[in-house]
C-alpha atoms as a PDB file:
ATOM      1  CA  MET A   1      99.728 146.136  90.405  1.00  0.00           C
ATOM      2  CA  GLU A   2      98.981 143.642  87.455  1.00  0.00           C
ATOM      3  CA  LYS A   3      98.729 140.121  88.182  1.00  0.00           C
ATOM      4  CA  ILE A   4     100.685 137.325  86.762  1.00  0.00           C
ATOM      5  CA  THR A   5      99.868 133.544  86.996  1.00  0.00           C
ATOM      6  CA  LEU A   6     101.514 131.173  88.700  1.00  0.00           C
ATOM      7  CA  ASN A   7     101.246 127.511  87.065  1.00  0.00           C
ATOM      8  CA  ALA A   8     102.180 124.321  88.814  1.00  0.00           C
ATOM      9  CA  TYR A   9     104.476 122.066  86.648  1.00  0.00           C
ATOM     10  CA  LEU A  10     104.707 118.473  87.753  1.00  0.00           C
ATOM     11  CA  LEU A  11     107.169 116.195  87.071  1.00  0.00           C
ATOM     12  CA  PHE A  12     106.769 112.181  86.713  1.00  0.00           C
ATOM     13  CA  ASP A  13     109.167 109.043  86.418  1.00  0.00           C
ATOM     14  CA  GLY A  14     107.494 107.596  83.713  1.00  0.00           C
ATOM     15  CA  ASN A  15     104.115 107.670  84.305  1.00  0.00           C
ATOM     16  CA  CYS A  16     103.237 111.795  83.107  1.00  0.00           C
ATOM     17  CA  ARG A  17     100.499 110.227  80.463  1.00  0.00           C
ATOM     18  CA  GLU A  18      98.869 108.064  82.831  1.00  0.00           C
ATOM     19  CA  ALA A  19      98.882 110.779  85.785  1.00  0.00           C
ATOM     20  CA  MET A  20      97.656 113.705  83.340  1.00  0.00           C
ATOM     21  CA  GLU A  21      94.662 111.360  81.525  1.00  0.00           C
ATOM     22  CA  PHE A  22      93.775 111.046  85.734  1.00  0.00           C
ATOM     23  CA  TYR A  23      93.405 114.736  86.530  1.00  0.00           C
ATOM     24  CA  GLN A  24      91.521 115.022  83.011  1.00  0.00           C
ATOM     25  CA  GLN A  25      89.044 112.641  84.304  1.00  0.00           C
ATOM     26  CA  ILE A  26      88.672 114.872  87.366  1.00  0.00           C
ATOM     27  CA  PHE A  27      88.867 118.086  86.230  1.00  0.00           C
ATOM     28  CA  GLY A  28      88.069 118.328  83.109  1.00  0.00           C
ATOM     29  CA  GLY A  29      89.742 120.622  80.540  1.00  0.00           C
ATOM     30  CA  GLU A  30      91.754 119.750  76.976  1.00  0.00           C
ATOM     31  CA  LEU A  31      94.915 117.880  77.844  1.00  0.00           C
ATOM     32  CA  GLN A  32      97.591 118.399  75.000  1.00  0.00           C
ATOM     33  CA  MET A  33     100.757 116.016  74.779  1.00  0.00           C
ATOM     34  CA  MET A  34     104.303 115.979  73.158  1.00  0.00           C
ATOM     35  CA  THR A  35     106.808 112.999  73.147  1.00  0.00           C
ATOM     36  CA  PHE A  36     110.591 113.569  73.274  1.00  0.00           C
ATOM     37  CA  GLY A  37     110.428 111.468  69.892  1.00  0.00           C
ATOM     38  CA  GLN A  38     107.856 114.306  68.528  1.00  0.00           C
ATOM     39  CA  VAL A  39     110.121 117.078  68.629  1.00  0.00           C
ATOM     40  CA  ASP A  40     113.913 114.622  68.672  1.00  0.00           C
ATOM     41  CA  ASP A  41     114.354 112.224  65.832  1.00  0.00           C
ATOM     42  CA  SER A  42     117.930 111.290  67.528  1.00  0.00           C
ATOM     43  CA  CYS A  43     116.190 110.538  71.293  1.00  0.00           C
ATOM     44  CA  PRO A  44     117.130 107.507  72.664  1.00  0.00           C
ATOM     45  CA  ALA A  45     114.232 104.526  71.737  1.00  0.00           C
ATOM     46  CA  ALA A  46     113.460 103.983  75.591  1.00  0.00           C
ATOM     47  CA  LYS A  47     112.407 107.914  75.665  1.00  0.00           C
ATOM     48  CA  LYS A  48     110.653 108.410  72.453  1.00  0.00           C
ATOM     49  CA  ASP A  49     107.602 107.785  73.913  1.00  0.00           C
ATOM     50  CA  SER A  50     108.164 109.973  77.638  1.00  0.00           C
ATOM     51  CA  ILE A  51     106.375 113.180  77.961  1.00  0.00           C
ATOM     52  CA  MET A  52     108.450 115.962  77.258  1.00  0.00           C
ATOM     53  CA  HIS A  53     105.730 118.184  77.939  1.00  0.00           C
ATOM     54  CA  ALA A  54     101.713 118.238  78.436  1.00  0.00           C
ATOM     55  CA  SER A  55      99.544 120.802  79.474  1.00  0.00           C
ATOM     56  CA  LEU A  56      95.944 120.432  80.796  1.00  0.00           C
ATOM     57  CA  MET A  57      94.187 123.698  80.392  1.00  0.00           C
ATOM     58  CA  GLY A  58      90.498 124.868  80.306  1.00  0.00           C
ATOM     59  CA  GLY A  59      88.747 122.623  83.249  1.00  0.00           C
ATOM     60  CA  GLU A  60      88.718 123.696  87.133  1.00  0.00           C
ATOM     61  CA  VAL A  61      92.229 123.936  87.250  1.00  0.00           C
ATOM     62  CA  ASP A  62      95.662 124.103  84.934  1.00  0.00           C
ATOM     63  CA  LEU A  63      98.619 121.861  85.274  1.00  0.00           C
ATOM     64  CA  MET A  64     101.548 121.519  83.305  1.00  0.00           C
ATOM     65  CA  ALA A  65     104.011 117.931  83.551  1.00  0.00           C
ATOM     66  CA  SER A  66     106.352 116.242  81.781  1.00  0.00           C
ATOM     67  CA  ASP A  67     108.415 112.856  82.702  1.00  0.00           C
ATOM     68  CA  ASN A  68     111.638 113.792  84.389  1.00  0.00           C
ATOM     69  CA  PRO A  69     114.311 114.350  82.274  1.00  0.00           C
ATOM     70  CA  GLU A  70     116.918 111.471  82.952  1.00  0.00           C
ATOM     71  CA  ASP A  71     119.735 114.248  84.050  1.00  0.00           C
ATOM     72  CA  LYS A  72     117.693 115.473  86.604  1.00  0.00           C
ATOM     73  CA  PRO A  73     117.225 113.584  90.349  1.00  0.00           C
ATOM     74  CA  SER A  74     113.753 112.381  90.552  1.00  0.00           C
ATOM     75  CA  GLY A  75     111.640 112.253  94.205  1.00  0.00           C
ATOM     76  CA  LYS A  76     109.617 114.276  96.268  1.00  0.00           C
ATOM     77  CA  GLY A  77     110.101 118.146  97.006  1.00  0.00           C
ATOM     78  CA  ASN A  78     108.651 120.345  99.387  1.00  0.00           C
ATOM     79  CA  ILE A  79     105.827 121.066  97.158  1.00  0.00           C
ATOM     80  CA  SER A  80     102.118 120.669  97.551  1.00  0.00           C
ATOM     81  CA  LEU A  81      98.987 121.477  95.544  1.00  0.00           C
ATOM     82  CA  ALA A  82      96.270 123.191  97.360  1.00  0.00           C
ATOM     83  CA  LEU A  83      92.442 122.952  96.322  1.00  0.00           C
ATOM     84  CA  SER A  84      90.120 125.509  98.134  1.00  0.00           C
ATOM     85  CA  GLY A  85      86.962 126.899  97.982  1.00  0.00           C
ATOM     86  CA  TYR A  86      83.418 126.767  99.332  1.00  0.00           C
ATOM     87  CA  ASP A  87      81.765 124.202  97.318  1.00  0.00           C
ATOM     88  CA  GLU A  88      81.704 121.283  99.721  1.00  0.00           C
ATOM     89  CA  GLU A  89      80.241 118.717  97.411  1.00  0.00           C
ATOM     90  CA  LYS A  90      82.409 119.266  94.849  1.00  0.00           C
ATOM     91  CA  LEU A  91      85.603 119.584  96.626  1.00  0.00           C
ATOM     92  CA  ARG A  92      84.347 116.626  98.852  1.00  0.00           C
ATOM     93  CA  LYS A  93      84.332 114.654  95.536  1.00  0.00           C
ATOM     94  CA  ARG A  94      88.065 115.792  94.381  1.00  0.00           C
ATOM     95  CA  PHE A  95      89.691 114.786  97.602  1.00  0.00           C
ATOM     96  CA  SER A  96      87.628 111.545  97.595  1.00  0.00           C
ATOM     97  CA  ASP A  97      88.999 111.126  93.559  1.00  0.00           C
ATOM     98  CA  LEU A  98      92.164 112.013  93.841  1.00  0.00           C
ATOM     99  CA  SER A  99      93.160 110.680  97.001  1.00  0.00           C
ATOM    100  CA  MET A 100      92.176 107.118  95.382  1.00  0.00           C
ATOM    101  CA  GLY A 101      94.797 104.509  95.388  1.00  0.00           C
ATOM    102  CA  GLY A 102      96.534 106.917  97.171  1.00  0.00           C
ATOM    103  CA  ASN A 103      97.396 108.200 101.286  1.00  0.00           C
ATOM    104  CA  ILE A 104      95.246 109.860 102.974  1.00  0.00           C
ATOM    105  CA  PHE A 105      97.079 111.484 105.866  1.00  0.00           C
ATOM    106  CA  MET A 106      95.059 113.881 106.981  1.00  0.00           C
ATOM    107  CA  HIS A 107      90.913 113.134 106.483  1.00  0.00           C
ATOM    108  CA  LEU A 108      88.624 116.322 105.952  1.00  0.00           C
ATOM    109  CA  GLU A 109      88.183 117.698 109.312  1.00  0.00           C
ATOM    110  CA  LYS A 110      87.191 120.759 110.933  1.00  0.00           C
ATOM    111  CA  GLN A 111      90.030 123.016 111.793  1.00  0.00           C
ATOM    112  CA  ILE A 112      90.469 125.699 114.873  1.00  0.00           C
ATOM    113  CA  TRP A 113      90.233 127.914 111.779  1.00  0.00           C
ATOM    114  CA  GLY A 114      87.014 127.087 110.994  1.00  0.00           C
ATOM    115  CA  ASP A 115      87.652 125.440 107.647  1.00  0.00           C
ATOM    116  CA  LEU A 116      87.361 121.611 106.922  1.00  0.00           C
ATOM    117  CA  TYR A 117      90.757 120.700 105.276  1.00  0.00           C
ATOM    118  CA  GLY A 118      92.217 117.174 104.404  1.00  0.00           C
ATOM    119  CA  ALA A 119      95.587 116.179 102.854  1.00  0.00           C
ATOM    120  CA  PHE A 120      96.868 113.285 100.970  1.00  0.00           C
ATOM    121  CA  THR A 121      99.725 111.785  98.600  1.00  0.00           C
ATOM    122  CA  ASP A 122      97.914 110.511  95.223  1.00  0.00           C
ATOM    123  CA  LYS A 123      98.911 107.192  93.511  1.00  0.00           C
ATOM    124  CA  PHE A 124     101.391 109.704  91.395  1.00  0.00           C
ATOM    125  CA  GLY A 125     103.306 110.671  94.217  1.00  0.00           C
ATOM    126  CA  ILE A 126     101.885 113.954  94.298  1.00  0.00           C
ATOM    127  CA  ASP A 127     100.837 115.934  97.702  1.00  0.00           C
ATOM    128  CA  TRP A 128      97.328 117.592  97.582  1.00  0.00           C
ATOM    129  CA  MET A 129      95.872 119.681 100.356  1.00  0.00           C
ATOM    130  CA  VAL A 130      91.948 120.621 100.707  1.00  0.00           C
ATOM    131  CA  ASN A 131      90.447 123.236 102.262  1.00  0.00           C
ATOM    132  CA  ILE A 132      86.992 124.280 102.199  1.00  0.00           C
ATOM    133  CA  GLY A 133      86.165 127.935 103.807  1.00  0.00           C
ATOM    134  CA  THR A 134      83.418 128.636 105.313  1.00  0.00           C
ATOM    135  CA  LYS A 135      81.690 131.869 104.616  1.00  0.00           C
ATOM    136  CA  LYS A 136      81.142 134.125 106.720  1.00  0.00           C
END
């Protein structure tokens, strides 16, 4: 069976540009952003600089995002972004960098399944899980 790609698409309440620039500093890659004003001359002045679509591609992760359109409810959903791998040094650094200014609700600790695992909400309200596997 041919695999398909599943990408995260994040919605922000007016701070998409700041969030995506933050993620680019951590993960690298090329960041492209388009504002509502660039695609719709008739959009309200208050939304002209809001991000209609942003993509961060080609680094360690691929992410897409936008500022939350006015007609959609804002708030947290039931989604967490999960980083996993075996490079303990790199993943510990990602945990530290991404959680800075956020809320850690589970520090990286050894779990019953043998891996290191931790979870937090970043300063933009995005939930993250980090799992550092042990090679068997």
